[in-house]
Amino acid sequence: QVQLVESGGGLVQAGGSLRLSCAASGRTFNRYSMGWFRQGPGKEREFVAAISWSGIMKDYADSVKGRFTISRDNSKKTVYLQMNSLKPEDTAVYYCAARSAEITRFASYDYWGQGTQVTVSS
């Protein structure tokens, strides 16, 4: 069982930055691929970024590529999402997720956090 708790969301102006964190419980964090998804107002949940258990493999949605960076620290059981050059369309609830398999853009993750709100003002 893995429990995930996101933090770091907030209100920021367009062009600003935020760093989201996702802290995991459990002893096997380093066996899980991790992903970030988001759901904007009136929209479906969408893939943002994913990272393999080793941190070597990463994948990004085209909409965030070059602006967002996913990373992880297995010693701290934490995955991060550094978000730069934020745009109003990045406004959403951001969720982290874990799966005991290779990374994927599909929402077929085993565990989900409760989400953290990111609001980007224009």
C-alpha atoms as a PDB file:
ATOM      1  CA  GLN A   1       0.000   0.000   0.000  1.00  0.00           C
ATOM      2  CA  VAL A   2       1.245   3.476  -0.902  1.00  0.00           C
ATOM      3  CA  GLN A   3      -0.191   6.750   0.303  1.00  0.00           C
ATOM      4  CA  LEU A   4       0.594   9.929  -1.596  1.00  0.00           C
ATOM      5  CA  VAL A   5       0.337  13.501  -0.321  1.00  0.00           C
ATOM      6  CA  GLU A   6       0.845  16.442  -2.653  1.00  0.00           C
ATOM      7  CA  SER A   7       1.898  19.918  -1.565  1.00  0.00           C
ATOM      8  CA  GLY A   8       3.240  23.128  -3.044  1.00  0.00           C
ATOM      9  CA  GLY A   9       0.230  24.349  -4.944  1.00  0.00           C
ATOM     10  CA  GLY A  10      -0.977  27.917  -4.776  1.00  0.00           C
ATOM     11  CA  LEU A  11      -1.713  31.113  -6.649  1.00  0.00           C
ATOM     12  CA  VAL A  12       0.936  32.506  -8.975  1.00  0.00           C
ATOM     13  CA  GLN A  13       1.040  35.072 -11.736  1.00  0.00           C
ATOM     14  CA  ALA A  14       1.589  34.074 -15.335  1.00  0.00           C
ATOM     15  CA  GLY A  15       5.276  33.607 -16.016  1.00  0.00           C
ATOM     16  CA  GLY A  16       5.949  32.537 -12.454  1.00  0.00           C
ATOM     17  CA  SER A  17       7.110  29.242 -10.997  1.00  0.00           C
ATOM     18  CA  LEU A  18       5.961  26.663  -8.489  1.00  0.00           C
ATOM     19  CA  ARG A  19       7.406  23.391  -7.286  1.00  0.00           C
ATOM     20  CA  LEU A  20       5.012  20.633  -6.368  1.00  0.00           C
ATOM     21  CA  SER A  21       6.034  17.812  -4.075  1.00  0.00           C
ATOM     22  CA  CYS A  22       4.484  14.414  -3.579  1.00  0.00           C
ATOM     23  CA  ALA A  23       5.499  12.538  -0.451  1.00  0.00           C
ATOM     24  CA  ALA A  24       4.928   8.800  -0.384  1.00  0.00           C
ATOM     25  CA  SER A  25       4.565   6.363   2.448  1.00  0.00           C
ATOM     26  CA  GLY A  26       5.565   2.719   2.270  1.00  0.00           C
ATOM     27  CA  ARG A  27       8.873   0.921   2.027  1.00  0.00           C
ATOM     28  CA  THR A  28       8.921   0.197  -1.685  1.00  0.00           C
ATOM     29  CA  PHE A  29       8.722   3.705  -3.141  1.00  0.00           C
ATOM     30  CA  ASN A  30      11.788   3.108  -5.265  1.00  0.00           C
ATOM     31  CA  ARG A  31       9.979   0.305  -7.104  1.00  0.00           C
ATOM     32  CA  TYR A  32       7.219   2.582  -8.366  1.00  0.00           C
ATOM     33  CA  SER A  33       7.011   4.684 -11.458  1.00  0.00           C
ATOM     34  CA  MET A  34       5.481   8.055 -10.633  1.00  0.00           C
ATOM     35  CA  GLY A  35       3.279  10.346 -12.627  1.00  0.00           C
ATOM     36  CA  TRP A  36       1.720  13.781 -12.426  1.00  0.00           C
ATOM     37  CA  PHE A  37      -1.730  14.448 -13.863  1.00  0.00           C
ATOM     38  CA  ARG A  38      -3.969  17.485 -13.742  1.00  0.00           C
ATOM     39  CA  GLN A  39      -7.618  18.330 -14.093  1.00  0.00           C
ATOM     40  CA  GLY A  40      -8.626  21.833 -15.020  1.00  0.00           C
ATOM     41  CA  PRO A  41     -12.088  23.326 -14.481  1.00  0.00           C
ATOM     42  CA  GLY A  42     -14.562  21.607 -16.753  1.00  0.00           C
ATOM     43  CA  LYS A  43     -11.872  19.391 -18.236  1.00  0.00           C
ATOM     44  CA  GLU A  44     -10.933  15.745 -18.046  1.00  0.00           C
ATOM     45  CA  ARG A  45      -7.901  14.604 -16.139  1.00  0.00           C
ATOM     46  CA  GLU A  46      -4.805  14.734 -18.342  1.00  0.00           C
ATOM     47  CA  PHE A  47      -1.262  13.466 -18.240  1.00  0.00           C
ATOM     48  CA  VAL A  48       1.474  15.937 -17.332  1.00  0.00           C
ATOM     49  CA  ALA A  49       4.699  14.036 -16.667  1.00  0.00           C
ATOM     50  CA  ALA A  50       6.056  10.684 -15.540  1.00  0.00           C
ATOM     51  CA  ILE A  51       9.322   9.293 -14.223  1.00  0.00           C
ATOM     52  CA  SER A  52      10.613   5.760 -13.907  1.00  0.00           C
ATOM     53  CA  TRP A  53      11.630   4.205 -10.598  1.00  0.00           C
ATOM     54  CA  SER A  54      15.297   4.912 -11.363  1.00  0.00           C
ATOM     55  CA  GLY A  55      14.677   8.461 -12.530  1.00  0.00           C
ATOM     56  CA  ILE A  56      16.301   7.705 -15.867  1.00  0.00           C
ATOM     57  CA  MET A  57      13.206   7.595 -18.016  1.00  0.00           C
ATOM     58  CA  LYS A  58      10.986  10.674 -18.152  1.00  0.00           C
ATOM     59  CA  ASP A  59       8.041  11.655 -20.279  1.00  0.00           C
ATOM     60  CA  TYR A  60       6.185  14.933 -20.655  1.00  0.00           C
ATOM     61  CA  ALA A  61       2.999  16.119 -22.247  1.00  0.00           C
ATOM     62  CA  ASP A  62       3.687  18.368 -25.216  1.00  0.00           C
ATOM     63  CA  SER A  63       1.892  21.233 -23.490  1.00  0.00           C
ATOM     64  CA  VAL A  64       4.453  21.344 -20.648  1.00  0.00           C
ATOM     65  CA  LYS A  65       7.626  20.146 -22.365  1.00  0.00           C
ATOM     66  CA  GLY A  66      10.450  22.616 -21.830  1.00  0.00           C
ATOM     67  CA  ARG A  67       8.617  24.335 -18.951  1.00  0.00           C
ATOM     68  CA  PHE A  68       8.055  21.551 -16.408  1.00  0.00           C
ATOM     69  CA  THR A  69      10.610  19.155 -14.948  1.00  0.00           C
ATOM     70  CA  ILE A  70       9.836  15.975 -13.058  1.00  0.00           C
ATOM     71  CA  SER A  71      12.357  14.515 -10.619  1.00  0.00           C
ATOM     72  CA  ARG A  72      12.461  12.190  -7.648  1.00  0.00           C
ATOM     73  CA  ASP A  73      14.487  11.575  -4.526  1.00  0.00           C
ATOM     74  CA  ASN A  74      14.062   7.954  -3.510  1.00  0.00           C
ATOM     75  CA  SER A  75      15.852   8.533  -0.196  1.00  0.00           C
ATOM     76  CA  LYS A  76      13.124  11.017   0.709  1.00  0.00           C
ATOM     77  CA  LYS A  77      10.319   9.048  -0.971  1.00  0.00           C
ATOM     78  CA  THR A  78       9.337  12.196  -2.807  1.00  0.00           C
ATOM     79  CA  VAL A  79       8.650  13.146  -6.399  1.00  0.00           C
ATOM     80  CA  TYR A  80       8.740  16.737  -7.590  1.00  0.00           C
ATOM     81  CA  LEU A  81       7.279  18.772 -10.404  1.00  0.00           C
ATOM     82  CA  GLN A  82       9.111  22.013 -11.079  1.00  0.00           C
ATOM     83  CA  MET A  83       6.825  24.279 -13.079  1.00  0.00           C
ATOM     84  CA  ASN A  84       8.283  27.330 -14.779  1.00  0.00           C
ATOM     85  CA  SER A  85       6.827  29.899 -17.171  1.00  0.00           C
ATOM     86  CA  LEU A  86       3.366  29.116 -15.910  1.00  0.00           C
ATOM     87  CA  LYS A  87       0.364  30.021 -18.027  1.00  0.00           C
ATOM     88  CA  PRO A  88      -3.280  30.563 -17.084  1.00  0.00           C
ATOM     89  CA  GLU A  89      -4.127  27.338 -18.919  1.00  0.00           C
ATOM     90  CA  ASP A  90      -1.968  25.450 -16.409  1.00  0.00           C
ATOM     91  CA  THR A  91      -4.610  26.185 -13.781  1.00  0.00           C
ATOM     92  CA  ALA A  92      -5.791  22.836 -12.453  1.00  0.00           C
ATOM     93  CA  VAL A  93      -5.775  20.417  -9.573  1.00  0.00           C
ATOM     94  CA  TYR A  94      -2.531  18.478  -9.826  1.00  0.00           C
ATOM     95  CA  TYR A  95      -2.404  14.838  -8.770  1.00  0.00           C
ATOM     96  CA  CYS A  96       0.530  12.535  -8.296  1.00  0.00           C
ATOM     97  CA  ALA A  97       0.184   8.825  -8.885  1.00  0.00           C
ATOM     98  CA  ALA A  98       2.214   5.640  -8.479  1.00  0.00           C
ATOM     99  CA  ARG A  99       2.296   2.385 -10.366  1.00  0.00           C
ATOM    100  CA  SER A 100       4.328  -0.800 -10.008  1.00  0.00           C
ATOM    101  CA  ALA A 101       5.111  -0.949 -13.707  1.00  0.00           C
ATOM    102  CA  GLU A 102       6.812   1.109 -16.381  1.00  0.00           C
ATOM    103  CA  ILE A 103       5.801   4.725 -16.912  1.00  0.00           C
ATOM    104  CA  THR A 104       2.753   5.476 -18.975  1.00  0.00           C
ATOM    105  CA  ARG A 105       0.692   8.447 -20.107  1.00  0.00           C
ATOM    106  CA  PHE A 106      -2.480   6.537 -19.391  1.00  0.00           C
ATOM    107  CA  ALA A 107      -4.164   6.964 -16.022  1.00  0.00           C
ATOM    108  CA  SER A 108      -3.631   3.299 -15.167  1.00  0.00           C
ATOM    109  CA  TYR A 109      -1.838   4.039 -11.941  1.00  0.00           C
ATOM    110  CA  ASP A 110      -2.377   2.041  -8.785  1.00  0.00           C
ATOM    111  CA  TYR A 111      -2.340   4.841  -6.218  1.00  0.00           C
ATOM    112  CA  TRP A 112      -3.388   8.489  -6.312  1.00  0.00           C
ATOM    113  CA  GLY A 113      -2.948  11.498  -4.080  1.00  0.00           C
ATOM    114  CA  GLN A 114      -5.732  13.866  -3.106  1.00  0.00           C
ATOM    115  CA  GLY A 115      -4.486  16.672  -5.346  1.00  0.00           C
ATOM    116  CA  THR A 116      -3.180  20.198  -4.899  1.00  0.00           C
ATOM    117  CA  GLN A 117      -4.656  23.299  -6.521  1.00  0.00           C
ATOM    118  CA  VAL A 118      -2.541  25.427  -8.846  1.00  0.00           C
ATOM    119  CA  THR A 119      -4.017  28.702 -10.023  1.00  0.00           C
ATOM    120  CA  VAL A 120      -2.225  30.908 -12.536  1.00  0.00           C
ATOM    121  CA  SER A 121      -3.537  34.431 -12.903  1.00  0.00           C
ATOM    122  CA  SER A 122      -3.121  36.450 -16.072  1.00  0.00           C
END
